[in-house]
Amino acid sequence: MRVDIRDRGTDVSTGRGAAGRPVLLATLGVPLNEEASVFAVDTAVESGQRLVVANVTALEPLRMSITLGYDALPEFTPEVSASLRRSAELARSLGVHVERLRVRSPRPVQALLDLVADVRPGLFVFGPDRTALRERRYRKALGAVRDRVTCLVWVPNDAAGRS
C-alpha cells in the first residue's frame, strides 16, 4: 500500500482525481450554513477534487437593470459575500482548486438544478443558512433537489428530517 504525504502548501486537487467530479457547495442568495461549508471543504480536501462554490440568486426581469449592468453587481449583502469568501479562502489555504460562481435567474431553483446538471459534481452540498431563507422557499428548493438531482446530496443536520 502506497502512502502519499501532502502538506498545506501543495495543491491537493491536482492528483489522479483532478479529472473526476468536483464538490459543489451552493446557496440561494443567503449566507452559507457553517456546517455545510466545513463539510464541503473537508470533502474536497479528502477526495482531492476541486470545490465549486455557487450562489444562485433571483434576477428580477427588469430590462433596464440588465441594460445598465445592475445584474453584475456584487452579492446583495456583505454577509453573503463574506460567507462565500470564507469558504473559498479556507479551501485554497488547504490546497484545493476553487471556482466561485454566481448564477442569476428569474427561476433560481431551476437554475440551481441546471447548474448541478452542468457541473456534474460527485457531491452536492446544499448549504443555505436556514435562518436567512424563508421556510417555504427552502422546503421547495430542497424538495426539488431531492427529486431531481442524481448525484450524492448532503444537507445540514437541521434540514435532514424536514421537507
Protein backbone atom coordinates (compact mmCIF):
# COMPACT_ATOMS: atom_id res chain seq x y z
CA MET A 1 0.00 0.00 0.00
CA ARG A 2 1.39 3.38 -1.02
CA VAL A 3 1.02 6.39 1.27
CA ASP A 4 1.04 9.92 -0.12
CA ILE A 5 2.03 12.73 2.19
CA ARG A 6 0.71 16.21 1.45
CA ASP A 7 1.42 19.45 3.21
CA ARG A 8 -0.80 22.52 3.15
CA GLY A 9 1.41 24.21 0.59
CA THR A 10 0.60 21.76 -2.21
CA ASP A 11 -2.39 21.72 -4.48
CA VAL A 12 -4.32 18.64 -3.37
CA SER A 13 -6.69 18.87 -6.33
CA THR A 14 -4.05 18.15 -8.97
CA GLY A 15 -3.67 14.44 -8.25
CA ARG A 16 -5.28 11.50 -10.02
CA GLY A 17 -8.77 12.59 -9.02
CA ALA A 18 -8.48 16.08 -10.56
CA ALA A 19 -10.22 14.93 -13.73
CA GLY A 20 -13.02 13.48 -11.61
CA ARG A 21 -16.16 15.05 -10.30
CA PRO A 22 -15.92 18.19 -8.13
CA VAL A 23 -17.64 19.04 -4.86
CA LEU A 24 -20.40 21.65 -5.39
CA LEU A 25 -21.35 23.92 -2.47
CA ALA A 26 -24.38 26.09 -3.24
CA THR A 27 -26.63 28.62 -1.59
CA LEU A 28 -29.67 30.62 -2.70
CA GLY A 29 -28.69 34.24 -2.21
CA VAL A 30 -28.16 33.89 1.55
CA PRO A 31 -25.03 33.17 3.61
CA LEU A 32 -23.77 29.59 3.72
CA ASN A 33 -24.53 27.30 6.63
CA GLU A 34 -21.24 26.91 8.52
CA GLU A 35 -21.62 23.13 8.87
CA ALA A 36 -22.24 22.76 5.13
CA SER A 37 -19.25 24.93 4.29
CA VAL A 38 -16.89 22.94 6.53
CA PHE A 39 -18.21 19.63 5.19
CA ALA A 40 -17.77 20.68 1.55
CA VAL A 41 -14.22 21.94 2.07
CA ASP A 42 -13.26 18.86 4.08
CA THR A 43 -14.67 16.56 1.40
CA ALA A 44 -12.83 18.41 -1.37
CA VAL A 45 -9.57 18.15 0.56
CA GLU A 46 -10.01 14.47 1.39
CA SER A 47 -11.11 13.46 -2.10
CA GLY A 48 -8.57 15.61 -3.93
CA GLN A 49 -11.27 17.23 -6.04
CA ARG A 50 -11.86 20.87 -6.86
CA LEU A 51 -14.52 22.85 -4.99
CA VAL A 52 -17.18 24.86 -6.82
CA VAL A 53 -18.82 27.49 -4.58
CA ALA A 54 -22.02 28.85 -6.13
CA ASN A 55 -24.53 31.49 -5.18
CA VAL A 56 -27.78 31.18 -7.13
CA THR A 57 -29.91 34.31 -6.85
CA ALA A 58 -33.07 35.71 -8.33
CA LEU A 59 -32.78 38.05 -11.29
CA GLU A 60 -35.73 40.33 -11.44
CA PRO A 61 -36.99 40.61 -15.02
CA LEU A 62 -36.22 44.31 -15.38
CA ARG A 63 -34.81 45.10 -18.82
CA MET A 64 -33.29 48.42 -17.72
CA SER A 65 -31.37 46.73 -14.86
CA ILE A 66 -29.79 44.29 -17.28
CA THR A 67 -29.06 47.04 -19.82
CA LEU A 68 -27.37 49.23 -17.20
CA GLY A 69 -25.37 46.31 -15.80
CA TYR A 70 -27.01 46.12 -12.37
CA ASP A 71 -27.28 42.38 -12.82
CA ALA A 72 -23.47 42.21 -12.44
CA LEU A 73 -23.29 43.92 -9.03
CA PRO A 74 -21.66 42.17 -6.06
CA GLU A 75 -23.73 39.94 -3.78
CA PHE A 76 -26.76 41.57 -2.18
CA THR A 77 -25.33 41.75 1.33
CA PRO A 78 -21.85 41.81 2.80
CA GLU A 79 -22.76 38.72 4.86
CA VAL A 80 -23.31 36.64 1.72
CA SER A 81 -20.05 37.82 0.17
CA ALA A 82 -18.11 37.18 3.38
CA SER A 83 -19.61 33.71 3.76
CA LEU A 84 -18.68 32.67 0.22
CA ARG A 85 -15.23 34.23 0.51
CA ARG A 86 -14.50 32.42 3.81
CA SER A 87 -15.31 29.04 2.27
CA ALA A 88 -13.22 29.70 -0.82
CA GLU A 89 -10.25 31.03 1.15
CA LEU A 90 -10.32 28.09 3.57
CA ALA A 91 -10.31 25.62 0.68
CA ARG A 92 -7.50 27.48 -1.11
CA SER A 93 -5.42 27.56 2.08
CA LEU A 94 -5.73 23.76 2.21
CA GLY A 95 -4.54 23.36 -1.38
CA VAL A 96 -7.89 22.90 -3.13
CA HIS A 97 -8.59 24.45 -6.54
CA VAL A 98 -11.69 26.64 -6.06
CA GLU A 99 -14.17 28.11 -8.54
CA ARG A 100 -16.70 30.71 -7.44
CA LEU A 101 -19.87 31.13 -9.46
CA ARG A 102 -22.82 33.47 -9.24
CA VAL A 103 -25.88 32.46 -11.20
CA ARG A 104 -28.69 34.97 -11.63
CA SER A 105 -32.01 33.72 -12.97
CA PRO A 106 -35.71 34.59 -12.82
CA ARG A 107 -36.14 30.97 -11.60
CA PRO A 108 -33.32 30.33 -9.11
CA VAL A 109 -34.38 26.80 -8.12
CA GLN A 110 -34.44 25.67 -11.75
CA ALA A 111 -31.11 27.43 -12.31
CA LEU A 112 -29.68 25.54 -9.32
CA LEU A 113 -30.82 22.23 -10.81
CA ASP A 114 -29.36 23.20 -14.20
CA LEU A 115 -26.08 24.14 -12.51
CA VAL A 116 -25.86 20.74 -10.82
CA ALA A 117 -26.51 19.06 -14.18
CA ASP A 118 -23.80 21.18 -15.87
CA VAL A 119 -21.12 20.81 -13.17
CA ARG A 120 -21.80 17.07 -12.66
CA PRO A 121 -20.47 17.01 -9.09
CA GLY A 122 -19.59 13.87 -7.20
CA LEU A 123 -21.12 15.52 -4.13
CA PHE A 124 -23.63 18.37 -4.00
CA VAL A 125 -23.69 20.20 -0.66
CA PHE A 126 -26.91 22.23 -0.42
CA GLY A 127 -25.97 24.77 2.20
CA PRO A 128 -28.06 27.93 2.51
CA ASP A 129 -28.37 29.27 6.05
CA ARG A 130 -31.93 28.35 7.02
CA THR A 131 -32.29 31.29 9.38
CA ALA A 132 -31.76 33.70 6.47
CA LEU A 133 -34.10 31.97 4.00
CA ARG A 134 -37.88 31.76 4.17
CA GLU A 135 -39.00 28.28 5.26
CA ARG A 136 -41.34 27.77 2.32
CA ARG A 137 -38.64 28.70 -0.22
CA TYR A 138 -36.14 26.40 1.48
CA ARG A 139 -38.56 23.44 1.50
CA LYS A 140 -39.43 23.98 -2.16
CA ALA A 141 -35.78 24.09 -3.17
CA LEU A 142 -34.81 21.10 -1.03
CA GLY A 143 -37.72 19.08 -2.43
CA ALA A 144 -36.65 19.86 -5.99
CA VAL A 145 -33.06 18.93 -5.19
CA ARG A 146 -34.07 15.61 -3.65
CA ASP A 147 -36.39 14.79 -6.54
CA ARG A 148 -34.22 15.78 -9.48
CA VAL A 149 -30.53 15.71 -8.55
CA THR A 150 -28.90 12.40 -9.41
CA CYS A 151 -25.58 12.75 -7.56
CA LEU A 152 -24.90 12.33 -3.86
CA VAL A 153 -26.57 15.17 -1.92
CA TRP A 154 -25.67 16.41 1.57
CA VAL A 155 -27.74 18.83 3.65
CA PRO A 156 -27.04 20.10 7.18
CA ASN A 157 -28.43 18.09 10.11
CA ASP A 158 -31.21 20.58 10.85
CA ALA A 159 -32.65 20.01 7.36
CA ALA A 160 -32.30 16.25 7.02
CA GLY A 161 -35.61 15.34 8.64
CA ARG A 162 -37.68 18.11 7.09
CA SER A 163 -39.24 18.78 3.72
